[in-house]
C-alpha atoms as a PDB file:
ATOM      1  CA  MET A   1     -39.249  -7.421  72.421  1.00  0.00           C
ATOM      2  CA  GLN A   2     -35.698  -5.321  71.852  1.00  0.00           C
ATOM      3  CA  ILE A   3     -33.649  -8.294  70.351  1.00  0.00           C
ATOM      4  CA  SER A   4     -36.883  -9.351  68.333  1.00  0.00           C
ATOM      5  CA  ARG A   5     -36.687  -5.569  66.457  1.00  0.00           C
ATOM      6  CA  LEU A   6     -32.495  -5.722  66.202  1.00  0.00           C
ATOM      7  CA  VAL A   7     -32.761  -9.026  64.219  1.00  0.00           C
ATOM      8  CA  PRO A   8     -33.509  -8.031  60.877  1.00  0.00           C
ATOM      9  CA  ARG A   9     -32.113  -4.468  60.952  1.00  0.00           C
ATOM     10  CA  PHE A  10     -28.850  -6.716  61.756  1.00  0.00           C
ATOM     11  CA  ARG A  11     -30.221  -9.213  59.010  1.00  0.00           C
ATOM     12  CA  SER A  12     -30.538  -5.718  56.361  1.00  0.00           C
ATOM     13  CA  PHE A  13     -27.109  -4.822  57.355  1.00  0.00           C
ATOM     14  CA  SER A  14     -25.764  -8.306  56.759  1.00  0.00           C
ATOM     15  CA  ILE A  15     -27.512  -8.404  52.629  1.00  0.00           C
ATOM     16  CA  SER A  16     -25.887  -4.682  52.301  1.00  0.00           C
ATOM     17  CA  ILE A  17     -22.338  -6.047  53.179  1.00  0.00           C
ATOM     18  CA  PHE A  18     -22.786  -9.356  50.860  1.00  0.00           C
ATOM     19  CA  SER A  19     -24.284  -7.056  48.461  1.00  0.00           C
ATOM     20  CA  ILE A  20     -21.167  -4.846  48.030  1.00  0.00           C
ATOM     21  CA  PHE A  21     -18.915  -8.140  48.602  1.00  0.00           C
ATOM     22  CA  ALA A  22     -20.538  -9.469  45.481  1.00  0.00           C
ATOM     23  CA  LEU A  23     -20.377  -6.821  43.407  1.00  0.00           C
ATOM     24  CA  PHE A  24     -16.625  -6.202  44.521  1.00  0.00           C
ATOM     25  CA  VAL A  25     -16.038  -9.671  43.229  1.00  0.00           C
ATOM     26  CA  ALA A  26     -17.655  -9.083  39.891  1.00  0.00           C
ATOM     27  CA  ALA A  27     -15.752  -6.133  39.254  1.00  0.00           C
ATOM     28  CA  ASN A  28     -12.467  -7.451  39.524  1.00  0.00           C
ATOM     29  CA  LEU A  29     -13.539 -10.801  37.682  1.00  0.00           C
ATOM     30  CA  ASN A  30     -14.569  -8.822  34.645  1.00  0.00           C
ATOM     31  CA  ASP A  31     -10.741  -7.290  34.595  1.00  0.00           C
ATOM     32  CA  THR A  32      -9.399 -11.036  34.727  1.00  0.00           C
ATOM     33  CA  PHE A  33     -11.233 -12.388  31.841  1.00  0.00           C
ATOM     34  CA  PHE A  34     -12.074  -9.182  29.060  1.00  0.00           C
ATOM     35  CA  VAL A  35      -8.746  -8.153  29.767  1.00  0.00           C
ATOM     36  CA  PRO A  36      -6.595 -11.150  28.368  1.00  0.00           C
ATOM     37  CA  ILE A  37      -9.119 -11.203  25.471  1.00  0.00           C
ATOM     38  CA  ALA A  38      -8.286  -7.335  24.630  1.00  0.00           C
ATOM     39  CA  ILE A  39      -4.917  -8.563  24.335  1.00  0.00           C
ATOM     40  CA  ALA A  40      -5.623 -11.748  22.069  1.00  0.00           C
ATOM     41  CA  LYS A  41      -7.351  -9.056  19.416  1.00  0.00           C
ATOM     42  CA  THR A  42      -4.384  -7.376  19.482  1.00  0.00           C
ATOM     43  CA  THR A  43      -2.067 -10.037  18.741  1.00  0.00           C
ATOM     44  CA  VAL A  44      -4.620 -11.078  15.999  1.00  0.00           C
ATOM     45  CA  LYS A  45      -4.506  -7.863  14.385  1.00  0.00           C
ATOM     46  CA  ARG A  46      -0.962  -7.696  13.959  1.00  0.00           C
ATOM     47  CA  ALA A  47      -0.139 -11.173  12.750  1.00  0.00           C
ATOM     48  CA  SER A  48      -2.436 -10.387  10.180  1.00  0.00           C
ATOM     49  CA  SER A  49      -1.503  -6.431   9.099  1.00  0.00           C
ATOM     50  CA  VAL A  50       0.171  -7.983   5.662  1.00  0.00           C
ATOM     51  CA  SER A  51      -2.452 -10.328   3.559  1.00  0.00           C
ATOM     52  CA  LEU A  52      -0.651 -13.258   1.751  1.00  0.00           C
ATOM     53  CA  PRO A  53      -1.519 -14.987  -1.264  1.00  0.00           C
ATOM     54  CA  ALA A  54      -3.791 -18.612  -0.376  1.00  0.00           C
ATOM     55  CA  ASP A  55      -1.120 -20.683  -2.317  1.00  0.00           C
ATOM     56  CA  LEU A  56       2.370 -19.155  -0.942  1.00  0.00           C
ATOM     57  CA  PRO A  57       4.416 -21.229   0.562  1.00  0.00           C
ATOM     58  CA  THR A  58       5.069 -20.914   4.488  1.00  0.00           C
ATOM     59  CA  SER A  59       7.821 -20.957   6.406  1.00  0.00           C
ATOM     60  CA  GLY A  60       6.322 -21.196   9.528  1.00  0.00           C
ATOM     61  CA  ASP A  61       7.246 -18.192  11.206  1.00  0.00           C
ATOM     62  CA  ALA A  62       4.909 -14.978  10.130  1.00  0.00           C
ATOM     63  CA  ARG A  63       7.663 -12.752  10.741  1.00  0.00           C
ATOM     64  CA  ILE A  64       9.884 -14.442   8.129  1.00  0.00           C
ATOM     65  CA  ASP A  65       7.095 -15.014   5.601  1.00  0.00           C
ATOM     66  CA  GLU A  66       6.296 -11.094   5.717  1.00  0.00           C
ATOM     67  CA  ILE A  67      10.259 -10.324   5.113  1.00  0.00           C
ATOM     68  CA  ILE A  68      10.080 -12.921   2.212  1.00  0.00           C
ATOM     69  CA  VAL A  69       6.832 -10.542   0.281  1.00  0.00           C
ATOM     70  CA  ARG A  70       7.792  -7.297   1.252  1.00  0.00           C
ATOM     71  CA  ALA A  71      11.567  -8.417  -0.418  1.00  0.00           C
ATOM     72  CA  SER A  72       9.700  -9.607  -3.299  1.00  0.00           C
ATOM     73  CA  ASP A  73       7.352  -6.507  -3.463  1.00  0.00           C
ATOM     74  CA  ARG A  74      10.463  -4.170  -3.303  1.00  0.00           C
ATOM     75  CA  PHE A  75      12.062  -5.962  -6.439  1.00  0.00           C
ATOM     76  CA  GLY A  76      10.145  -7.412  -8.340  1.00  0.00           C
ATOM     77  CA  VAL A  77      10.471 -11.425  -7.760  1.00  0.00           C
ATOM     78  CA  ASP A  78       7.935 -13.944  -7.319  1.00  0.00           C
ATOM     79  CA  PRO A  79       7.703 -14.434  -3.748  1.00  0.00           C
ATOM     80  CA  ARG A  80       6.958 -17.973  -4.235  1.00  0.00           C
ATOM     81  CA  LEU A  81      10.876 -18.646  -5.614  1.00  0.00           C
ATOM     82  CA  LEU A  82      12.282 -16.404  -3.071  1.00  0.00           C
ATOM     83  CA  HIS A  83      10.543 -19.168  -0.399  1.00  0.00           C
ATOM     84  CA  HIS A  84      11.965 -22.414  -2.647  1.00  0.00           C
ATOM     85  CA  VAL A  85      15.584 -20.514  -3.185  1.00  0.00           C
ATOM     86  CA  ILE A  86      15.719 -20.039   1.365  1.00  0.00           C
ATOM     87  CA  TRP A  87      13.936 -23.106   2.066  1.00  0.00           C
ATOM     88  CA  GLN A  88      16.751 -24.827  -0.527  1.00  0.00           C
ATOM     89  CA  GLU A  89      19.623 -22.783   1.096  1.00  0.00           C
ATOM     90  CA  SER A  90      18.682 -22.395   4.465  1.00  0.00           C
ATOM     91  CA  LYS A  91      15.865 -24.427   5.681  1.00  0.00           C
ATOM     92  CA  TYR A  92      14.749 -21.209   6.952  1.00  0.00           C
ATOM     93  CA  GLN A  93      17.489 -20.938   9.662  1.00  0.00           C
ATOM     94  CA  THR A  94      18.555 -17.305  10.015  1.00  0.00           C
ATOM     95  CA  ALA A  95      21.583 -18.359  11.825  1.00  0.00           C
ATOM     96  CA  THR A  96      23.092 -21.413   9.406  1.00  0.00           C
ATOM     97  CA  LYS A  97      26.878 -20.789   7.804  1.00  0.00           C
ATOM     98  CA  SER A  98      28.135 -22.771   5.629  1.00  0.00           C
ATOM     99  CA  HIS A  99      31.622 -24.518   5.579  1.00  0.00           C
ATOM    100  CA  ALA A 100      32.610 -21.748   3.149  1.00  0.00           C
ATOM    101  CA  GLY A 101      31.340 -19.098   4.618  1.00  0.00           C
ATOM    102  CA  ALA A 102      27.923 -18.356   3.245  1.00  0.00           C
ATOM    103  CA  GLN A 103      25.069 -16.969   5.668  1.00  0.00           C
ATOM    104  CA  GLY A 104      21.592 -16.613   6.651  1.00  0.00           C
ATOM    105  CA  LEU A 105      18.262 -17.193   5.060  1.00  0.00           C
ATOM    106  CA  MET A 106      19.474 -16.668   1.912  1.00  0.00           C
ATOM    107  CA  GLN A 107      22.988 -17.791   2.778  1.00  0.00           C
ATOM    108  CA  LEU A 108      25.198 -14.708   1.184  1.00  0.00           C
ATOM    109  CA  MET A 109      28.801 -14.880   0.651  1.00  0.00           C
ATOM    110  CA  PRO A 110      30.398 -11.895   2.745  1.00  0.00           C
ATOM    111  CA  ALA A 111      31.446 -10.555  -0.750  1.00  0.00           C
ATOM    112  CA  THR A 112      27.981 -10.940  -1.992  1.00  0.00           C
ATOM    113  CA  ALA A 113      26.599  -9.442   1.131  1.00  0.00           C
ATOM    114  CA  VAL A 114      28.355  -6.587   0.896  1.00  0.00           C
ATOM    115  CA  ARG A 115      28.364  -6.106  -3.058  1.00  0.00           C
ATOM    116  CA  PHE A 116      24.437  -5.789  -1.996  1.00  0.00           C
ATOM    117  CA  ASP A 117      24.602  -3.868   1.224  1.00  0.00           C
ATOM    118  CA  CYS A 118      24.150  -6.424   3.493  1.00  0.00           C
ATOM    119  CA  ARG A 119      25.866  -5.321   6.764  1.00  0.00           C
ATOM    120  CA  ASN A 120      24.466  -8.163   9.027  1.00  0.00           C
ATOM    121  CA  ALA A 121      24.273 -11.381   7.026  1.00  0.00           C
ATOM    122  CA  SER A 122      22.646 -12.518  10.294  1.00  0.00           C
ATOM    123  CA  ASP A 123      19.482 -10.006  10.071  1.00  0.00           C
ATOM    124  CA  PRO A 124      16.846 -11.351   8.300  1.00  0.00           C
ATOM    125  CA  GLU A 125      15.245  -8.461   6.331  1.00  0.00           C
ATOM    126  CA  SER A 126      18.954  -7.495   5.914  1.00  0.00           C
ATOM    127  CA  ASN A 127      19.845 -10.789   4.362  1.00  0.00           C
ATOM    128  CA  VAL A 128      16.589 -11.428   2.007  1.00  0.00           C
ATOM    129  CA  ALA A 129      16.946  -7.821   0.819  1.00  0.00           C
ATOM    130  CA  ALA A 130      20.427  -8.535  -0.700  1.00  0.00           C
ATOM    131  CA  GLY A 131      19.681 -11.768  -1.708  1.00  0.00           C
ATOM    132  CA  THR A 132      16.628 -11.009  -3.715  1.00  0.00           C
ATOM    133  CA  ARG A 133      18.288  -7.657  -4.996  1.00  0.00           C
ATOM    134  CA  TYR A 134      21.237 -10.398  -6.417  1.00  0.00           C
ATOM    135  CA  LEU A 135      18.494 -12.586  -7.654  1.00  0.00           C
ATOM    136  CA  ARG A 136      16.324 -10.130  -9.496  1.00  0.00           C
ATOM    137  CA  LEU A 137      20.115  -9.120 -10.956  1.00  0.00           C
ATOM    138  CA  LEU A 138      20.460 -12.541 -12.147  1.00  0.00           C
ATOM    139  CA  LEU A 139      16.942 -12.987 -13.640  1.00  0.00           C
ATOM    140  CA  GLU A 140      17.723  -9.616 -15.491  1.00  0.00           C
ATOM    141  CA  ARG A 141      20.961 -10.893 -16.662  1.00  0.00           C
ATOM    142  CA  PHE A 142      19.675 -14.479 -18.075  1.00  0.00           C
ATOM    143  CA  GLU A 143      16.633 -12.421 -19.874  1.00  0.00           C
ATOM    144  CA  GLY A 144      14.493 -14.665 -17.142  1.00  0.00           C
ATOM    145  CA  ASP A 145      16.063 -17.917 -17.948  1.00  0.00           C
ATOM    146  CA  VAL A 146      15.125 -19.315 -14.390  1.00  0.00           C
ATOM    147  CA  SER A 147      17.143 -21.754 -14.863  1.00  0.00           C
ATOM    148  CA  LEU A 148      20.618 -19.927 -15.792  1.00  0.00           C
ATOM    149  CA  ALA A 149      19.788 -17.708 -12.732  1.00  0.00           C
ATOM    150  CA  LEU A 150      19.528 -20.009  -9.917  1.00  0.00           C
ATOM    151  CA  ALA A 151      22.562 -21.919 -11.765  1.00  0.00           C
ATOM    152  CA  ALA A 152      24.645 -18.465 -11.376  1.00  0.00           C
ATOM    153  CA  TYR A 153      23.653 -17.653  -7.408  1.00  0.00           C
ATOM    154  CA  ASN A 154      24.405 -21.423  -6.821  1.00  0.00           C
ATOM    155  CA  ALA A 155      27.888 -21.270  -8.437  1.00  0.00           C
ATOM    156  CA  GLY A 156      28.863 -18.098  -9.712  1.00  0.00           C
ATOM    157  CA  GLU A 157      28.225 -15.755 -12.651  1.00  0.00           C
ATOM    158  CA  GLY A 158      31.596 -16.946 -14.149  1.00  0.00           C
ATOM    159  CA  ASN A 159      31.047 -20.431 -13.940  1.00  0.00           C
ATOM    160  CA  VAL A 160      27.267 -20.104 -15.734  1.00  0.00           C
ATOM    161  CA  ASP A 161      29.709 -17.510 -18.693  1.00  0.00           C
ATOM    162  CA  LYS A 162      32.340 -20.237 -18.756  1.00  0.00           C
ATOM    163  CA  TYR A 163      29.898 -23.191 -19.357  1.00  0.00           C
ATOM    164  CA  ALA A 164      27.339 -21.327 -21.468  1.00  0.00           C
ATOM    165  CA  GLY A 165      24.883 -22.809 -19.353  1.00  0.00           C
ATOM    166  CA  ILE A 166      24.279 -24.595 -16.055  1.00  0.00           C
ATOM    167  CA  PRO A 167      27.966 -25.955 -14.820  1.00  0.00           C
ATOM    168  CA  PRO A 168      28.430 -29.562 -14.721  1.00  0.00           C
ATOM    169  CA  PHE A 169      28.610 -29.554 -10.669  1.00  0.00           C
ATOM    170  CA  SER A 170      26.536 -32.159  -8.782  1.00  0.00           C
ATOM    171  CA  GLU A 171      25.541 -29.760  -6.219  1.00  0.00           C
ATOM    172  CA  THR A 172      24.564 -26.635  -9.117  1.00  0.00           C
ATOM    173  CA  GLN A 173      22.810 -29.646 -11.162  1.00  0.00           C
ATOM    174  CA  HIS A 174      20.608 -30.871  -7.816  1.00  0.00           C
ATOM    175  CA  TYR A 175      20.225 -27.342  -6.980  1.00  0.00           C
ATOM    176  CA  VAL A 176      18.969 -26.230  -9.771  1.00  0.00           C
ATOM    177  CA  LYS A 177      16.508 -29.316 -10.576  1.00  0.00           C
ATOM    178  CA  SER A 178      14.942 -29.386  -7.446  1.00  0.00           C
ATOM    179  CA  ILE A 179      14.174 -25.593  -6.834  1.00  0.00           C
ATOM    180  CA  THR A 180      12.487 -25.152 -10.291  1.00  0.00           C
ATOM    181  CA  GLY A 181      10.643 -28.927  -9.824  1.00  0.00           C
ATOM    182  CA  ARG A 182       9.066 -27.014  -6.998  1.00  0.00           C
ATOM    183  CA  TYR A 183       8.561 -23.646  -8.232  1.00  0.00           C
ATOM    184  CA  GLY A 184       7.041 -24.955 -11.534  1.00  0.00           C
ATOM    185  CA  SER A 185       8.286 -22.653 -13.706  1.00  0.00           C
ATOM    186  CA  LYS A 186      11.857 -22.281 -15.737  1.00  0.00           C
ATOM    187  CA  TYR A 187      10.927 -18.442 -17.043  1.00  0.00           C
ATOM    188  CA  HIS A 188      10.328 -15.531 -14.507  1.00  0.00           C
ATOM    189  CA  PRO A 189       8.224 -12.465 -16.231  1.00  0.00           C
ATOM    190  CA  LEU A 190      10.968  -9.207 -15.877  1.00  0.00           C
ATOM    191  CA  LEU A 191       8.721  -7.210 -13.881  1.00  0.00           C
ATOM    192  CA  THR A 192       8.173  -3.396 -12.219  1.00  0.00           C
ATOM    193  CA  PRO A 193       7.587  -3.675  -9.236  1.00  0.00           C
ATOM    194  CA  GLU A 194       3.961  -2.583  -9.676  1.00  0.00           C
ATOM    195  CA  GLU A 195       3.819  -5.116 -12.260  1.00  0.00           C
ATOM    196  CA  ALA A 196       5.174  -7.968 -10.505  1.00  0.00           C
ATOM    197  CA  ARG A 197       2.576  -7.078  -7.556  1.00  0.00           C
ATOM    198  CA  ILE A 198      -0.129  -7.213  -9.494  1.00  0.00           C
ATOM    199  CA  ASN A 199       0.956 -10.348 -11.375  1.00  0.00           C
ATOM    200  CA  PHE A 200       1.744 -12.394  -8.438  1.00  0.00           C
ATOM    201  CA  GLY A 201      -0.701 -11.777  -6.291  1.00  0.00           C
ATOM    202  CA  LEU A 202       0.361  -9.209  -4.249  1.00  0.00           C
ATOM    203  CA  GLY A 203      -1.915  -6.719  -2.239  1.00  0.00           C
ATOM    204  CA  GLU A 204      -1.785  -2.810  -2.097  1.00  0.00           C
ATOM    205  CA  GLU A 205      -0.983  -2.637   1.496  1.00  0.00           C
ATOM    206  CA  ILE A 206       2.254  -4.859   0.985  1.00  0.00           C
ATOM    207  CA  ALA A 207       4.062  -1.894  -1.138  1.00  0.00           C
ATOM    208  CA  GLN A 208       2.477   0.915   1.664  1.00  0.00           C
ATOM    209  CA  ALA A 209       4.509  -0.851   4.362  1.00  0.00           C
ATOM    210  CA  ASN A 210       7.701  -0.734   1.785  1.00  0.00           C
END
């Protein structure tokens, strides 16, 4: 009789222990499943911090794409043109260095880097900012003529002046033809950054980021 009375009590005790253990496991499983989800949401938010036009080319690297569009907004240069220049120059390889000494995404020569305050041509942000400033200057000098601006970027302003147009160098002629063919226009409007932002379809948050 005493043993039979103990059995229910033992079963109740066992159920209580099992319940506590189950709650402990459930709590730990919740931590395991929900922490990565929170991190994933944060990552997505960071990746989409700057909205980009749907027709904009991509480097395949979100950070480089954002650097390009910020430089575009800052200096009033179409980001599509910048993408095509960078692809032609370096194929988006940040550490590329030519036999002539040009470096980085926009293949800046040492003298050009110094001229446009680029202290580290291997740094993507500094390189693109300096290259975009130079391209903007060339577009202004040649009154929005994309072909002449590109020729000067590739062969130097002096050679464009010397030949009164695109120099007769096969490399430069191929360079200009390739980029203008992909860009689809031989004229670039000379706009203020505010005007360019509207014309090129850039979001207002890009200006705030700059």
